[in-house]
Amino acid sequence: MNIAEATHAPRIYQAWREPELGVERGVSADSLRLLEAMGHEIEVQQTMGSTQSIMLREGLLYGAADPRRPGAAALGID
């Protein structure tokens, strides 16, 4: 994935104190079945966090704003 694809992808989160595995909508049904087969208790959640991400590749910077928050934007300056 490039940085924008990774930022937009559904998230999976395991809190260290919680037995449930939090997943955002959009995780495939096949993935959910595999996780449940491994013994995970799945809890579908609305949104998990917000990221503003930067990736450095071959001397170039790439950025992506998380669409989970209204008004999020990424800006490139040369």
PDB file of N, CA and C in Angstrom:
ATOM      1  N   MET A   1       0.843  -1.190   0.000  1.00  0.00           N
ATOM      2  CA  MET A   1       0.000   0.000   0.000  1.00  0.00           C
ATOM      3  C   MET A   1       0.880   1.243   0.000  1.00  0.00           C
ATOM      4  N   ASN A   2       0.400   2.273  -0.656  1.00  0.00           N
ATOM      5  CA  ASN A   2       1.079   3.550  -0.495  1.00  0.00           C
ATOM      6  C   ASN A   2       0.534   4.214   0.777  1.00  0.00           C
ATOM      7  N   ILE A   3       1.064   5.364   1.138  1.00  0.00           N
ATOM      8  CA  ILE A   3       0.699   5.987   2.416  1.00  0.00           C
ATOM      9  C   ILE A   3      -0.780   6.374   2.469  1.00  0.00           C
ATOM     10  N   ALA A   4      -1.344   6.830   1.349  1.00  0.00           N
ATOM     11  CA  ALA A   4      -2.766   7.195   1.337  1.00  0.00           C
ATOM     12  C   ALA A   4      -3.645   5.956   1.497  1.00  0.00           C
ATOM     13  N   GLU A   5      -3.300   4.867   0.807  1.00  0.00           N
ATOM     14  CA  GLU A   5      -4.080   3.633   0.942  1.00  0.00           C
ATOM     15  C   GLU A   5      -4.029   3.103   2.374  1.00  0.00           C
ATOM     16  N   ALA A   6      -2.845   3.132   2.974  1.00  0.00           N
ATOM     17  CA  ALA A   6      -2.698   2.651   4.349  1.00  0.00           C
ATOM     18  C   ALA A   6      -3.474   3.520   5.335  1.00  0.00           C
ATOM     19  N   THR A   7      -3.467   4.830   5.132  1.00  0.00           N
ATOM     20  CA  THR A   7      -4.177   5.754   6.016  1.00  0.00           C
ATOM     21  C   THR A   7      -5.688   5.556   5.919  1.00  0.00           C
ATOM     22  N   HIS A   8      -6.174   5.228   4.729  1.00  0.00           N
ATOM     23  CA  HIS A   8      -7.612   5.055   4.506  1.00  0.00           C
ATOM     24  C   HIS A   8      -8.121   3.648   4.837  1.00  0.00           C
ATOM     25  N   ALA A   9      -7.236   2.690   4.987  1.00  0.00           N
ATOM     26  CA  ALA A   9      -7.646   1.297   5.209  1.00  0.00           C
ATOM     27  C   ALA A   9      -8.317   1.117   6.570  1.00  0.00           C
ATOM     28  N   PRO A  10      -9.265   0.189   6.668  1.00  0.00           N
ATOM     29  CA  PRO A  10      -9.896  -0.093   7.959  1.00  0.00           C
ATOM     30  C   PRO A  10      -8.849  -0.581   8.968  1.00  0.00           C
ATOM     31  N   ARG A  11      -9.045  -0.212  10.213  1.00  0.00           N
ATOM     32  CA  ARG A  11      -8.082  -0.544  11.261  1.00  0.00           C
ATOM     33  C   ARG A  11      -8.557  -1.686  12.136  1.00  0.00           C
ATOM     34  N   ILE A  12      -7.572  -2.368  12.697  1.00  0.00           N
ATOM     35  CA  ILE A  12      -7.798  -3.417  13.693  1.00  0.00           C
ATOM     36  C   ILE A  12      -6.969  -3.035  14.905  1.00  0.00           C
ATOM     37  N   TYR A  13      -7.567  -3.113  16.096  1.00  0.00           N
ATOM     38  CA  TYR A  13      -6.874  -2.662  17.299  1.00  0.00           C
ATOM     39  C   TYR A  13      -7.137  -3.608  18.462  1.00  0.00           C
ATOM     40  N   GLN A  14      -6.081  -3.963  19.173  1.00  0.00           N
ATOM     41  CA  GLN A  14      -6.193  -4.786  20.372  1.00  0.00           C
ATOM     42  C   GLN A  14      -5.684  -3.970  21.551  1.00  0.00           C
ATOM     43  N   ALA A  15      -6.580  -3.563  22.434  1.00  0.00           N
ATOM     44  CA  ALA A  15      -6.190  -2.847  23.649  1.00  0.00           C
ATOM     45  C   ALA A  15      -5.604  -3.857  24.623  1.00  0.00           C
ATOM     46  N   TRP A  16      -4.602  -3.484  25.347  1.00  0.00           N
ATOM     47  CA  TRP A  16      -3.928  -4.450  26.226  1.00  0.00           C
ATOM     48  C   TRP A  16      -4.766  -4.863  27.418  1.00  0.00           C
ATOM     49  N   ARG A  17      -5.770  -4.087  27.779  1.00  0.00           N
ATOM     50  CA  ARG A  17      -6.624  -4.442  28.920  1.00  0.00           C
ATOM     51  C   ARG A  17      -7.972  -5.021  28.514  1.00  0.00           C
ATOM     52  N   GLU A  18      -8.280  -5.004  27.240  1.00  0.00           N
ATOM     53  CA  GLU A  18      -9.593  -5.446  26.761  1.00  0.00           C
ATOM     54  C   GLU A  18      -9.470  -6.789  26.043  1.00  0.00           C
ATOM     55  N   PRO A  19     -10.411  -7.693  26.262  1.00  0.00           N
ATOM     56  CA  PRO A  19     -10.344  -8.982  25.570  1.00  0.00           C
ATOM     57  C   PRO A  19     -10.792  -8.902  24.108  1.00  0.00           C
ATOM     58  N   GLU A  20     -11.611  -7.892  23.766  1.00  0.00           N
ATOM     59  CA  GLU A  20     -12.143  -7.794  22.404  1.00  0.00           C
ATOM     60  C   GLU A  20     -11.097  -7.234  21.450  1.00  0.00           C
ATOM     61  N   LEU A  21     -11.215  -7.653  20.213  1.00  0.00           N
ATOM     62  CA  LEU A  21     -10.403  -7.112  19.134  1.00  0.00           C
ATOM     63  C   LEU A  21     -11.283  -6.109  18.401  1.00  0.00           C
ATOM     64  N   GLY A  22     -10.933  -4.837  18.455  1.00  0.00           N
ATOM     65  CA  GLY A  22     -11.720  -3.810  17.783  1.00  0.00           C
ATOM     66  C   GLY A  22     -11.399  -3.772  16.302  1.00  0.00           C
ATOM     67  N   VAL A  23     -12.438  -3.723  15.487  1.00  0.00           N
ATOM     68  CA  VAL A  23     -12.252  -3.616  14.037  1.00  0.00           C
ATOM     69  C   VAL A  23     -13.188  -2.533  13.506  1.00  0.00           C
ATOM     70  N   GLU A  24     -12.709  -1.816  12.514  1.00  0.00           N
ATOM     71  CA  GLU A  24     -13.562  -0.837  11.846  1.00  0.00           C
ATOM     72  C   GLU A  24     -14.351  -1.528  10.741  1.00  0.00           C
ATOM     73  N   ARG A  25     -15.462  -0.925  10.368  1.00  0.00           N
ATOM     74  CA  ARG A  25     -16.229  -1.427   9.226  1.00  0.00           C
ATOM     75  C   ARG A  25     -15.322  -1.423   8.005  1.00  0.00           C
ATOM     76  N   GLY A  26     -15.493  -2.412   7.167  1.00  0.00           N
ATOM     77  CA  GLY A  26     -14.681  -2.497   5.953  1.00  0.00           C
ATOM     78  C   GLY A  26     -13.657  -3.612   5.997  1.00  0.00           C
ATOM     79  N   VAL A  27     -13.391  -4.174   7.191  1.00  0.00           N
ATOM     80  CA  VAL A  27     -12.526  -5.356   7.267  1.00  0.00           C
ATOM     81  C   VAL A  27     -13.314  -6.500   6.639  1.00  0.00           C
ATOM     82  N   SER A  28     -12.689  -7.248   5.764  1.00  0.00           N
ATOM     83  CA  SER A  28     -13.415  -8.286   5.018  1.00  0.00           C
ATOM     84  C   SER A  28     -13.996  -9.352   5.936  1.00  0.00           C
ATOM     85  N   ALA A  29     -15.110  -9.910   5.492  1.00  0.00           N
ATOM     86  CA  ALA A  29     -15.769 -10.977   6.252  1.00  0.00           C
ATOM     87  C   ALA A  29     -14.843 -12.181   6.396  1.00  0.00           C
ATOM     88  N   ASP A  30     -14.038 -12.465   5.373  1.00  0.00           N
ATOM     89  CA  ASP A  30     -13.085 -13.579   5.451  1.00  0.00           C
ATOM     90  C   ASP A  30     -12.063 -13.333   6.560  1.00  0.00           C
ATOM     91  N   SER A  31     -11.566 -12.113   6.647  1.00  0.00           N
ATOM     92  CA  SER A  31     -10.596 -11.783   7.704  1.00  0.00           C
ATOM     93  C   SER A  31     -11.230 -11.919   9.082  1.00  0.00           C
ATOM     94  N   LEU A  32     -12.467 -11.463   9.216  1.00  0.00           N
ATOM     95  CA  LEU A  32     -13.156 -11.576  10.503  1.00  0.00           C
ATOM     96  C   LEU A  32     -13.347 -13.035  10.902  1.00  0.00           C
ATOM     97  N   ARG A  33     -13.715 -13.880   9.945  1.00  0.00           N
ATOM     98  CA  ARG A  33     -13.884 -15.307  10.235  1.00  0.00           C
ATOM     99  C   ARG A  33     -12.561 -15.945  10.669  1.00  0.00           C
ATOM    100  N   LEU A  34     -11.470 -15.574   9.998  1.00  0.00           N
ATOM    101  CA  LEU A  34     -10.156 -16.113  10.374  1.00  0.00           C
ATOM    102  C   LEU A  34      -9.758 -15.666  11.776  1.00  0.00           C
ATOM    103  N   LEU A  35      -9.995 -14.398  12.092  1.00  0.00           N
ATOM    104  CA  LEU A  35      -9.665 -13.890  13.430  1.00  0.00           C
ATOM    105  C   LEU A  35     -10.492 -14.591  14.502  1.00  0.00           C
ATOM    106  N   GLU A  36     -11.777 -14.796  14.227  1.00  0.00           N
ATOM    107  CA  GLU A  36     -12.636 -15.503  15.180  1.00  0.00           C
ATOM    108  C   GLU A  36     -12.184 -16.955  15.346  1.00  0.00           C
ATOM    109  N   ALA A  37     -11.742 -17.592  14.255  1.00  0.00           N
ATOM    110  CA  ALA A  37     -11.251 -18.968  14.324  1.00  0.00           C
ATOM    111  C   ALA A  37      -9.992 -19.066  15.179  1.00  0.00           C
ATOM    112  N   MET A  38      -9.244 -17.959  15.269  1.00  0.00           N
ATOM    113  CA  MET A  38      -8.048 -17.916  16.113  1.00  0.00           C
ATOM    114  C   MET A  38      -8.394 -17.653  17.575  1.00  0.00           C
ATOM    115  N   GLY A  39      -9.688 -17.433  17.849  1.00  0.00           N
ATOM    116  CA  GLY A  39     -10.128 -17.222  19.225  1.00  0.00           C
ATOM    117  C   GLY A  39     -10.376 -15.781  19.615  1.00  0.00           C
ATOM    118  N   HIS A  40     -10.287 -14.855  18.669  1.00  0.00           N
ATOM    119  CA  HIS A  40     -10.519 -13.442  18.976  1.00  0.00           C
ATOM    120  C   HIS A  40     -12.012 -13.149  19.095  1.00  0.00           C
ATOM    121  N   GLU A  41     -12.359 -12.324  20.067  1.00  0.00           N
ATOM    122  CA  GLU A  41     -13.722 -11.797  20.177  1.00  0.00           C
ATOM    123  C   GLU A  41     -13.738 -10.490  19.395  1.00  0.00           C
ATOM    124  N   ILE A  42     -14.567 -10.389  18.380  1.00  0.00           N
ATOM    125  CA  ILE A  42     -14.597  -9.231  17.484  1.00  0.00           C
ATOM    126  C   ILE A  42     -15.638  -8.232  17.950  1.00  0.00           C
ATOM    127  N   GLU A  43     -15.256  -6.961  17.964  1.00  0.00           N
ATOM    128  CA  GLU A  43     -16.180  -5.864  18.260  1.00  0.00           C
ATOM    129  C   GLU A  43     -16.033  -4.813  17.163  1.00  0.00           C
ATOM    130  N   VAL A  44     -17.066  -4.653  16.337  1.00  0.00           N
ATOM    131  CA  VAL A  44     -17.026  -3.649  15.271  1.00  0.00           C
ATOM    132  C   VAL A  44     -17.204  -2.284  15.910  1.00  0.00           C
ATOM    133  N   GLN A  45     -16.297  -1.363  15.589  1.00  0.00           N
ATOM    134  CA  GLN A  45     -16.309  -0.015  16.159  1.00  0.00           C
ATOM    135  C   GLN A  45     -16.404   1.014  15.046  1.00  0.00           C
ATOM    136  N   GLN A  46     -16.886   2.196  15.406  1.00  0.00           N
ATOM    137  CA  GLN A  46     -17.074   3.261  14.413  1.00  0.00           C
ATOM    138  C   GLN A  46     -15.741   3.756  13.845  1.00  0.00           C
ATOM    139  N   THR A  47     -14.910   4.289  14.709  1.00  0.00           N
ATOM    140  CA  THR A  47     -13.659   4.919  14.279  1.00  0.00           C
ATOM    141  C   THR A  47     -12.596   4.687  15.332  1.00  0.00           C
ATOM    142  N   MET A  48     -11.385   4.453  14.883  1.00  0.00           N
ATOM    143  CA  MET A  48     -10.262   4.272  15.797  1.00  0.00           C
ATOM    144  C   MET A  48      -9.172   5.272  15.461  1.00  0.00           C
ATOM    145  N   GLY A  49      -9.104   6.309  16.249  1.00  0.00           N
ATOM    146  CA  GLY A  49      -8.017   7.265  16.101  1.00  0.00           C
ATOM    147  C   GLY A  49      -8.060   8.086  14.836  1.00  0.00           C
ATOM    148  N   SER A  50      -7.010   8.834  14.649  1.00  0.00           N
ATOM    149  CA  SER A  50      -6.843   9.674  13.476  1.00  0.00           C
ATOM    150  C   SER A  50      -5.346   9.853  13.263  1.00  0.00           C
ATOM    151  N   THR A  51      -4.901   9.697  12.045  1.00  0.00           N
ATOM    152  CA  THR A  51      -3.466   9.827  11.773  1.00  0.00           C
ATOM    153  C   THR A  51      -3.210  10.897  10.727  1.00  0.00           C
ATOM    154  N   GLN A  52      -2.085  11.509  10.833  1.00  0.00           N
ATOM    155  CA  GLN A  52      -1.544  12.366   9.783  1.00  0.00           C
ATOM    156  C   GLN A  52      -0.195  11.724   9.463  1.00  0.00           C
ATOM    157  N   SER A  53      -0.075  11.149   8.291  1.00  0.00           N
ATOM    158  CA  SER A  53       1.038  10.256   7.990  1.00  0.00           C
ATOM    159  C   SER A  53       1.979  10.826   6.947  1.00  0.00           C
ATOM    160  N   ILE A  54       3.276  10.529   7.143  1.00  0.00           N
ATOM    161  CA  ILE A  54       4.310  10.924   6.190  1.00  0.00           C
ATOM    162  C   ILE A  54       5.162   9.697   5.900  1.00  0.00           C
ATOM    163  N   MET A  55       5.497   9.503   4.617  1.00  0.00           N
ATOM    164  CA  MET A  55       6.358   8.411   4.206  1.00  0.00           C
ATOM    165  C   MET A  55       7.513   8.989   3.402  1.00  0.00           C
ATOM    166  N   LEU A  56       8.724   8.531   3.682  1.00  0.00           N
ATOM    167  CA  LEU A  56       9.905   8.941   2.932  1.00  0.00           C
ATOM    168  C   LEU A  56      10.301   7.784   2.032  1.00  0.00           C
ATOM    169  N   ARG A  57      10.331   8.019   0.721  1.00  0.00           N
ATOM    170  CA  ARG A  57      10.717   6.977  -0.231  1.00  0.00           C
ATOM    171  C   ARG A  57      11.577   7.597  -1.324  1.00  0.00           C
ATOM    172  N   GLU A  58      12.779   7.071  -1.460  1.00  0.00           N
ATOM    173  CA  GLU A  58      13.719   7.525  -2.489  1.00  0.00           C
ATOM    174  C   GLU A  58      13.904   9.037  -2.464  1.00  0.00           C
ATOM    175  N   GLY A  59      14.038   9.587  -1.267  1.00  0.00           N
ATOM    176  CA  GLY A  59      14.292  11.011  -1.096  1.00  0.00           C
ATOM    177  C   GLY A  59      13.080  11.909  -1.240  1.00  0.00           C
ATOM    178  N   LEU A  60      11.909  11.350  -1.462  1.00  0.00           N
ATOM    179  CA  LEU A  60      10.689  12.138  -1.594  1.00  0.00           C
ATOM    180  C   LEU A  60       9.767  11.876  -0.412  1.00  0.00           C
ATOM    181  N   LEU A  61       9.050  12.913   0.008  1.00  0.00           N
ATOM    182  CA  LEU A  61       8.085  12.796   1.093  1.00  0.00           C
ATOM    183  C   LEU A  61       6.678  12.681   0.507  1.00  0.00           C
ATOM    184  N   TYR A  62       5.912  11.744   1.039  1.00  0.00           N
ATOM    185  CA  TYR A  62       4.518  11.559   0.650  1.00  0.00           C
ATOM    186  C   TYR A  62       3.678  11.668   1.911  1.00  0.00           C
ATOM    187  N   GLY A  63       2.543  12.351   1.820  1.00  0.00           N
ATOM    188  CA  GLY A  63       1.700  12.526   2.992  1.00  0.00           C
ATOM    189  C   GLY A  63       0.258  12.158   2.720  1.00  0.00           C
ATOM    190  N   ALA A  64      -0.460  11.868   3.803  1.00  0.00           N
ATOM    191  CA  ALA A  64      -1.891  11.552   3.696  1.00  0.00           C
ATOM    192  C   ALA A  64      -2.590  11.980   4.970  1.00  0.00           C
ATOM    193  N   ALA A  65      -3.767  12.565   4.803  1.00  0.00           N
ATOM    194  CA  ALA A  65      -4.601  12.971   5.937  1.00  0.00           C
ATOM    195  C   ALA A  65      -5.675  11.912   6.143  1.00  0.00           C
ATOM    196  N   ASP A  66      -5.975  11.647   7.390  1.00  0.00           N
ATOM    197  CA  ASP A  66      -6.962  10.634   7.735  1.00  0.00           C
ATOM    198  C   ASP A  66      -8.370  11.141   7.447  1.00  0.00           C
ATOM    199  N   PRO A  67      -9.159  10.411   6.649  1.00  0.00           N
ATOM    200  CA  PRO A  67     -10.512  10.849   6.318  1.00  0.00           C
ATOM    201  C   PRO A  67     -11.510  10.641   7.463  1.00  0.00           C
ATOM    202  N   ARG A  68     -11.063  10.052   8.583  1.00  0.00           N
ATOM    203  CA  ARG A  68     -11.976   9.772   9.694  1.00  0.00           C
ATOM    204  C   ARG A  68     -12.357  11.032  10.467  1.00  0.00           C
ATOM    205  N   ARG A  69     -11.658  12.112  10.249  1.00  0.00           N
ATOM    206  CA  ARG A  69     -11.936  13.362  10.956  1.00  0.00           C
ATOM    207  C   ARG A  69     -12.316  14.452   9.956  1.00  0.00           C
ATOM    208  N   PRO A  70     -13.405  15.163  10.219  1.00  0.00           N
ATOM    209  CA  PRO A  70     -13.821  16.238   9.307  1.00  0.00           C
ATOM    210  C   PRO A  70     -12.734  17.306   9.179  1.00  0.00           C
ATOM    211  N   GLY A  71     -12.522  17.774   7.971  1.00  0.00           N
ATOM    212  CA  GLY A  71     -11.575  18.849   7.734  1.00  0.00           C
ATOM    213  C   GLY A  71     -10.122  18.428   7.708  1.00  0.00           C
ATOM    214  N   ALA A  72      -9.832  17.144   7.786  1.00  0.00           N
ATOM    215  CA  ALA A  72      -8.430  16.688   7.752  1.00  0.00           C
ATOM    216  C   ALA A  72      -7.865  16.966   6.376  1.00  0.00           C
ATOM    217  N   ALA A  73      -6.617  17.433   6.326  1.00  0.00           N
ATOM    218  CA  ALA A  73      -5.990  17.747   5.053  1.00  0.00           C
ATOM    219  C   ALA A  73      -4.486  17.507   5.152  1.00  0.00           C
ATOM    220  N   ALA A  74      -3.892  17.242   4.014  1.00  0.00           N
ATOM    221  CA  ALA A  74      -2.443  17.112   3.911  1.00  0.00           C
ATOM    222  C   ALA A  74      -1.949  18.209   2.970  1.00  0.00           C
ATOM    223  N   LEU A  75      -0.810  18.778   3.289  1.00  0.00           N
ATOM    224  CA  LEU A  75      -0.264  19.881   2.498  1.00  0.00           C
ATOM    225  C   LEU A  75       1.186  19.586   2.209  1.00  0.00           C
ATOM    226  N   GLY A  76       1.569  19.726   0.955  1.00  0.00           N
ATOM    227  CA  GLY A  76       2.977  19.539   0.569  1.00  0.00           C
ATOM    228  C   GLY A  76       3.601  20.885   0.281  1.00  0.00           C
ATOM    229  N   ILE A  77       4.795  21.110   0.815  1.00  0.00           N
ATOM    230  CA  ILE A  77       5.519  22.367   0.578  1.00  0.00           C
ATOM    231  C   ILE A  77       6.848  22.034  -0.057  1.00  0.00           C
ATOM    232  N   ASP A  78       7.165  22.724  -1.113  1.00  0.00           N
ATOM    233  CA  ASP A  78       8.416  22.488  -1.832  1.00  0.00           C
ATOM    234  C   ASP A  78       9.458  23.475  -1.371  1.00  0.00           C
TER     235      ASP A  78
END
